[in-house]
Amino acid sequence: MTNNAQEKAKLYWACRRGMLELDLLLLPFVENAYDNLSDSERSVFVQLLALEDPTLYQWFIARLEPEDLAIRALVEKIIAYARRSAL
């Protein structure tokens, strides 16, 4: 298994959350869009996965916005990807 494949396998596992709603957003994103992220966005994605589920959920349903601009941009990218995929 290559380093990239190992990295994605770890990320895939980290995307399996305690909330189905988050699984439905994060798993397809890491499978299909992660490879298109820049190195800095990949780093932010790892930071995002370290956060608590309730925080992520509030961001993804747009009740709250992340204060960190890089995290906010990635959250918006994940939401946009989910919307495009649902069409």
Protein backbone atom coordinates (compact mmCIF):
# COMPACT_ATOMS: atom_id res chain seq x y z
CA MET A 1 0.00 0.00 0.00
CA THR A 2 1.47 3.37 -0.98
CA ASN A 3 1.79 6.23 1.48
CA ASN A 4 -1.07 8.07 -0.23
CA ALA A 5 -3.30 4.99 -0.02
CA GLN A 6 -2.39 4.56 3.66
CA GLU A 7 -3.11 8.22 4.34
CA LYS A 8 -6.51 7.99 2.67
CA ALA A 9 -7.32 4.79 4.56
CA LYS A 10 -6.59 6.56 7.86
CA LEU A 11 -8.65 9.57 6.80
CA TYR A 12 -11.51 7.35 5.70
CA TRP A 13 -11.51 5.72 9.14
CA ALA A 14 -11.38 9.15 10.84
CA CYS A 15 -14.36 10.25 8.73
CA ARG A 16 -16.48 7.52 10.29
CA ARG A 17 -18.07 9.55 13.01
CA GLY A 18 -20.66 9.02 15.71
CA MET A 19 -23.27 10.85 13.64
CA LEU A 20 -24.62 9.42 10.40
CA GLU A 21 -25.12 12.95 9.05
CA LEU A 22 -21.39 13.59 9.30
CA ASP A 23 -20.54 10.21 7.77
CA LEU A 24 -22.73 11.07 4.78
CA LEU A 25 -20.83 14.32 4.24
CA LEU A 26 -17.27 13.34 5.06
CA LEU A 27 -16.91 9.82 3.63
CA PRO A 28 -17.86 10.68 0.03
CA PHE A 29 -15.74 13.83 0.24
CA VAL A 30 -12.60 11.96 1.28
CA GLU A 31 -13.26 9.24 -1.32
CA ASN A 32 -13.90 11.55 -4.26
CA ALA A 33 -12.62 15.06 -3.58
CA TYR A 34 -9.72 14.78 -1.13
CA ASP A 35 -7.18 14.09 -3.87
CA ASN A 36 -8.01 17.45 -5.46
CA LEU A 37 -7.20 19.43 -2.31
CA SER A 38 -4.01 21.43 -1.99
CA ASP A 39 -1.46 20.38 0.63
CA SER A 40 -2.62 23.18 2.93
CA GLU A 41 -6.28 22.15 2.50
CA ARG A 42 -5.32 18.55 3.31
CA SER A 43 -3.70 19.77 6.50
CA VAL A 44 -6.85 21.72 7.40
CA PHE A 45 -8.96 18.62 6.67
CA VAL A 46 -6.91 16.65 9.22
CA GLN A 47 -7.45 19.48 11.75
CA LEU A 48 -11.17 19.42 10.99
CA LEU A 49 -11.37 15.69 11.70
CA ALA A 50 -9.84 16.24 15.15
CA LEU A 51 -12.82 18.37 16.20
CA GLU A 52 -15.89 17.21 18.07
CA ASP A 53 -18.95 15.97 16.17
CA PRO A 54 -21.40 18.55 17.61
CA THR A 55 -19.14 21.39 16.45
CA LEU A 56 -18.81 19.93 12.96
CA TYR A 57 -22.53 19.33 12.75
CA GLN A 58 -23.32 22.94 13.67
CA TRP A 59 -20.95 24.13 10.95
CA PHE A 60 -22.32 21.80 8.29
CA ILE A 61 -25.93 22.77 8.93
CA ALA A 62 -24.84 26.43 8.86
CA ARG A 63 -25.99 27.24 12.38
CA LEU A 64 -22.49 28.42 13.24
CA GLU A 65 -19.42 29.37 11.20
CA PRO A 66 -15.86 28.44 12.05
CA GLU A 67 -13.81 31.41 13.19
CA ASP A 68 -10.72 30.06 11.43
CA LEU A 69 -10.91 31.18 7.80
CA ALA A 70 -9.12 28.12 6.42
CA ILE A 71 -11.49 25.77 8.23
CA ARG A 72 -14.46 27.88 7.13
CA ALA A 73 -13.35 27.67 3.48
CA LEU A 74 -12.98 23.89 3.72
CA VAL A 75 -16.38 23.48 5.41
CA GLU A 76 -17.91 25.48 2.56
CA LYS A 77 -16.07 23.29 0.03
CA ILE A 78 -17.41 20.11 1.68
CA ILE A 79 -20.97 21.51 1.72
CA ALA A 80 -20.69 22.53 -1.95
CA TYR A 81 -19.40 19.08 -2.86
CA ALA A 82 -22.29 17.42 -1.03
CA ARG A 83 -24.81 19.63 -2.83
CA ARG A 84 -23.29 18.89 -6.25
CA SER A 85 -23.22 15.17 -5.50
CA ALA A 86 -26.87 15.17 -4.45
CA LEU A 87 -28.04 16.50 -7.83
